[in-house]
C-alpha atoms as a PDB file:
ATOM      1  CA  MET A   1       2.207   2.644 -20.940  1.00  0.00           C
ATOM      2  CA  ARG A   2       1.148   4.348 -18.381  1.00  0.00           C
ATOM      3  CA  VAL A   3       0.861   2.606 -14.850  1.00  0.00           C
ATOM      4  CA  SER A   4      -1.489   4.048 -12.240  1.00  0.00           C
ATOM      5  CA  ILE A   5      -1.522   2.971  -8.952  1.00  0.00           C
ATOM      6  CA  ALA A   6      -3.812   3.007  -5.434  1.00  0.00           C
ATOM      7  CA  LEU A   7      -3.727   3.406  -2.504  1.00  0.00           C
ATOM      8  CA  LEU A   8      -6.974   2.954  -0.476  1.00  0.00           C
ATOM      9  CA  SER A   9      -7.354   1.836   3.145  1.00  0.00           C
ATOM     10  CA  THR A  10      -9.511  -0.896   4.321  1.00  0.00           C
ATOM     11  CA  ALA A  11     -10.100   0.003   6.986  1.00  0.00           C
ATOM     12  CA  ALA A  12     -13.955   0.451   8.476  1.00  0.00           C
ATOM     13  CA  ALA A  13     -15.503   4.155   8.039  1.00  0.00           C
ATOM     14  CA  GLU A  14     -16.357   2.772  12.089  1.00  0.00           C
ATOM     15  CA  SER A  15     -12.565   2.646  12.538  1.00  0.00           C
ATOM     16  CA  PHE A  16     -11.510   5.457  11.050  1.00  0.00           C
ATOM     17  CA  CYS A  17      -7.581   5.691   9.657  1.00  0.00           C
ATOM     18  CA  PRO A  18      -4.760   3.151  10.531  1.00  0.00           C
ATOM     19  CA  SER A  19      -3.556   6.182  11.498  1.00  0.00           C
ATOM     20  CA  GLU A  20      -3.015   9.811  11.600  1.00  0.00           C
ATOM     21  CA  LYS A  21      -0.250  10.470  10.209  1.00  0.00           C
ATOM     22  CA  CYS A  22      -0.148   9.175   7.302  1.00  0.00           C
ATOM     23  CA  TRP A  23      -3.694   9.077   6.429  1.00  0.00           C
ATOM     24  CA  SER A  24      -6.626  11.720   6.627  1.00  0.00           C
ATOM     25  CA  TYR A  25     -10.502  10.924   7.529  1.00  0.00           C
ATOM     26  CA  ASP A  26     -12.700  12.580   4.516  1.00  0.00           C
ATOM     27  CA  GLU A  27     -16.181  12.522   6.236  1.00  0.00           C
ATOM     28  CA  ALA A  28     -17.651  14.027   2.972  1.00  0.00           C
ATOM     29  CA  THR A  29     -16.295  10.408   0.716  1.00  0.00           C
ATOM     30  CA  SER A  30     -15.952   8.499   4.467  1.00  0.00           C
ATOM     31  CA  LYS A  31     -12.781   6.831   3.061  1.00  0.00           C
ATOM     32  CA  CYS A  32      -9.364   7.185   4.174  1.00  0.00           C
ATOM     33  CA  LYS A  33      -6.630   9.665   2.185  1.00  0.00           C
ATOM     34  CA  LEU A  34      -3.291   9.040   2.039  1.00  0.00           C
ATOM     35  CA  LEU A  35      -0.797  11.612   3.447  1.00  0.00           C
ATOM     36  CA  PRO A  36       2.641  12.082   1.406  1.00  0.00           C
ATOM     37  CA  GLY A  37       6.062  10.693   2.446  1.00  0.00           C
ATOM     38  CA  CYS A  38       4.218   7.558   3.707  1.00  0.00           C
ATOM     39  CA  ALA A  39       4.780   5.128   0.587  1.00  0.00           C
ATOM     40  CA  GLU A  40       6.344   4.702  -2.187  1.00  0.00           C
ATOM     41  CA  VAL A  41       5.650   3.095  -5.570  1.00  0.00           C
ATOM     42  CA  SER A  42       7.980   2.786  -8.028  1.00  0.00           C
ATOM     43  CA  CYS A  43       7.812   0.589 -10.647  1.00  0.00           C
ATOM     44  CA  ASP A  44      10.705  -0.545 -14.362  1.00  0.00           C
ATOM     45  CA  ALA A  45      10.118  -2.616 -16.878  1.00  0.00           C
ATOM     46  CA  ASN A  46       9.624  -5.896 -15.331  1.00  0.00           C
ATOM     47  CA  ALA A  47       9.116  -5.067 -11.254  1.00  0.00           C
ATOM     48  CA  LEU A  48       7.724  -2.685  -8.887  1.00  0.00           C
ATOM     49  CA  ARG A  49       8.942  -1.508  -5.223  1.00  0.00           C
ATOM     50  CA  ILE A  50       7.200   0.114  -2.847  1.00  0.00           C
ATOM     51  CA  GLU A  51       8.439   1.529   0.333  1.00  0.00           C
ATOM     52  CA  PHE A  52       5.764   2.483   3.163  1.00  0.00           C
ATOM     53  CA  VAL A  53       6.913   3.604   6.578  1.00  0.00           C
ATOM     54  CA  PRO A  54       5.217   1.341  10.015  1.00  0.00           C
ATOM     55  CA  GLU A  55       2.462   4.591  10.738  1.00  0.00           C
ATOM     56  CA  PHE A  56       1.177   2.664   6.395  1.00  0.00           C
ATOM     57  CA  PHE A  57      -0.953   0.524   8.601  1.00  0.00           C
ATOM     58  CA  GLY A  58      -0.508   2.358  11.995  1.00  0.00           C
ATOM     59  CA  VAL A  59       1.978  -0.015  13.289  1.00  0.00           C
ATOM     60  CA  GLU A  60       3.932   2.141  16.131  1.00  0.00           C
ATOM     61  CA  ASN A  61       6.645  -1.360  16.352  1.00  0.00           C
ATOM     62  CA  ASN A  62       9.728  -0.464  14.274  1.00  0.00           C
ATOM     63  CA  GLY A  63      10.000  -4.007  12.367  1.00  0.00           C
ATOM     64  CA  GLU A  64       7.849  -5.930  14.731  1.00  0.00           C
ATOM     65  CA  VAL A  65       4.888  -6.835  12.943  1.00  0.00           C
ATOM     66  CA  GLU A  66       5.816  -8.784   9.494  1.00  0.00           C
ATOM     67  CA  PHE A  67       4.007  -9.038   6.272  1.00  0.00           C
ATOM     68  CA  ALA A  68       4.473 -10.876   3.022  1.00  0.00           C
ATOM     69  CA  ASP A  69       7.176 -10.924   0.582  1.00  0.00           C
ATOM     70  CA  SER A  70       8.516  -7.682   3.332  1.00  0.00           C
ATOM     71  CA  TYR A  71      11.753  -6.343   4.631  1.00  0.00           C
ATOM     72  CA  PHE A  72      12.087  -4.025   7.417  1.00  0.00           C
ATOM     73  CA  ASN A  73      15.126  -1.472   7.031  1.00  0.00           C
ATOM     74  CA  ASP A  74      16.189   1.915   8.287  1.00  0.00           C
ATOM     75  CA  GLY A  75      11.894   2.329   9.591  1.00  0.00           C
ATOM     76  CA  LYS A  76      10.561   1.181   6.817  1.00  0.00           C
ATOM     77  CA  TYR A  77       9.051  -1.902   5.142  1.00  0.00           C
ATOM     78  CA  TYR A  78      10.348  -2.764   1.915  1.00  0.00           C
ATOM     79  CA  THR A  79       8.256  -5.235  -1.555  1.00  0.00           C
ATOM     80  CA  HIS A  80      10.531  -6.046  -4.094  1.00  0.00           C
ATOM     81  CA  CYS A  81       8.049  -8.374  -6.062  1.00  0.00           C
ATOM     82  CA  ASN A  82       8.875  -9.253  -9.958  1.00  0.00           C
ATOM     83  CA  LEU A  83       6.045  -9.160 -12.729  1.00  0.00           C
ATOM     84  CA  GLY A  84       3.908 -12.027 -11.790  1.00  0.00           C
ATOM     85  CA  GLU A  85       4.779 -13.073  -8.667  1.00  0.00           C
ATOM     86  CA  CYS A  86       3.493 -11.869  -5.099  1.00  0.00           C
ATOM     87  CA  SER A  87       0.360 -12.925  -5.952  1.00  0.00           C
ATOM     88  CA  MET A  88       0.395  -9.323  -8.667  1.00  0.00           C
ATOM     89  CA  ARG A  89      -2.542  -9.139 -10.634  1.00  0.00           C
ATOM     90  CA  ALA A  90      -2.794  -7.409 -13.507  1.00  0.00           C
ATOM     91  CA  ASP A  91      -6.275  -5.840 -15.285  1.00  0.00           C
ATOM     92  CA  TYR A  92      -7.173  -3.131 -17.294  1.00  0.00           C
ATOM     93  CA  ASN A  93      -8.790   0.278 -16.343  1.00  0.00           C
ATOM     94  CA  GLU A  94     -11.446   2.199 -18.575  1.00  0.00           C
ATOM     95  CA  GLU A  95      -9.026   4.444 -19.755  1.00  0.00           C
ATOM     96  CA  GLY A  96      -7.634   1.494 -21.267  1.00  0.00           C
ATOM     97  CA  ASP A  97      -4.175   1.488 -18.893  1.00  0.00           C
ATOM     98  CA  ILE A  98      -2.204  -1.601 -16.947  1.00  0.00           C
ATOM     99  CA  VAL A  99      -3.303  -1.799 -13.876  1.00  0.00           C
ATOM    100  CA  PHE A 100      -1.218  -3.458 -11.192  1.00  0.00           C
ATOM    101  CA  THR A 101      -2.965  -5.325  -8.041  1.00  0.00           C
ATOM    102  CA  VAL A 102      -0.515  -6.456  -5.498  1.00  0.00           C
ATOM    103  CA  GLU A 103      -2.134  -7.502  -1.992  1.00  0.00           C
ATOM    104  CA  ILE A 104      -0.105  -6.290   1.451  1.00  0.00           C
ATOM    105  CA  GLN A 105      -1.729  -7.566   4.690  1.00  0.00           C
ATOM    106  CA  ASP A 106      -0.314  -8.434   7.745  1.00  0.00           C
ATOM    107  CA  GLU A 107      -2.829  -9.537  10.732  1.00  0.00           C
ATOM    108  CA  GLN A 108      -5.772  -7.644  10.679  1.00  0.00           C
ATOM    109  CA  GLN A 109      -5.989  -5.653   7.835  1.00  0.00           C
ATOM    110  CA  SER A 110      -4.716  -4.891   4.310  1.00  0.00           C
ATOM    111  CA  ILE A 111      -4.098  -1.977   1.824  1.00  0.00           C
ATOM    112  CA  LYS A 112      -4.456  -2.617  -2.023  1.00  0.00           C
END
């Protein structure tokens, strides 16, 4: 089984990206691209683990913003979702890979 994970900013082109530390704005595509070191996703047979720094969402106040199904520790947010939890969706892409989607959001924006 191959697992593909995509992290895309939903920030509008007019507002550019959530932060310069974690995102670069591609003017040609009008999309934000994730920079290395800001978020990691790992998966095993029955769970997904997501780690991200506050700047992933453009948050600068360490741990003061709460995200559903996440906790803050040692400068990062952590999310652990067993398969089927955290409003997880599963689908197939055109290549036949299984794609799991978990939405993490604060009050203002979300990342899928």
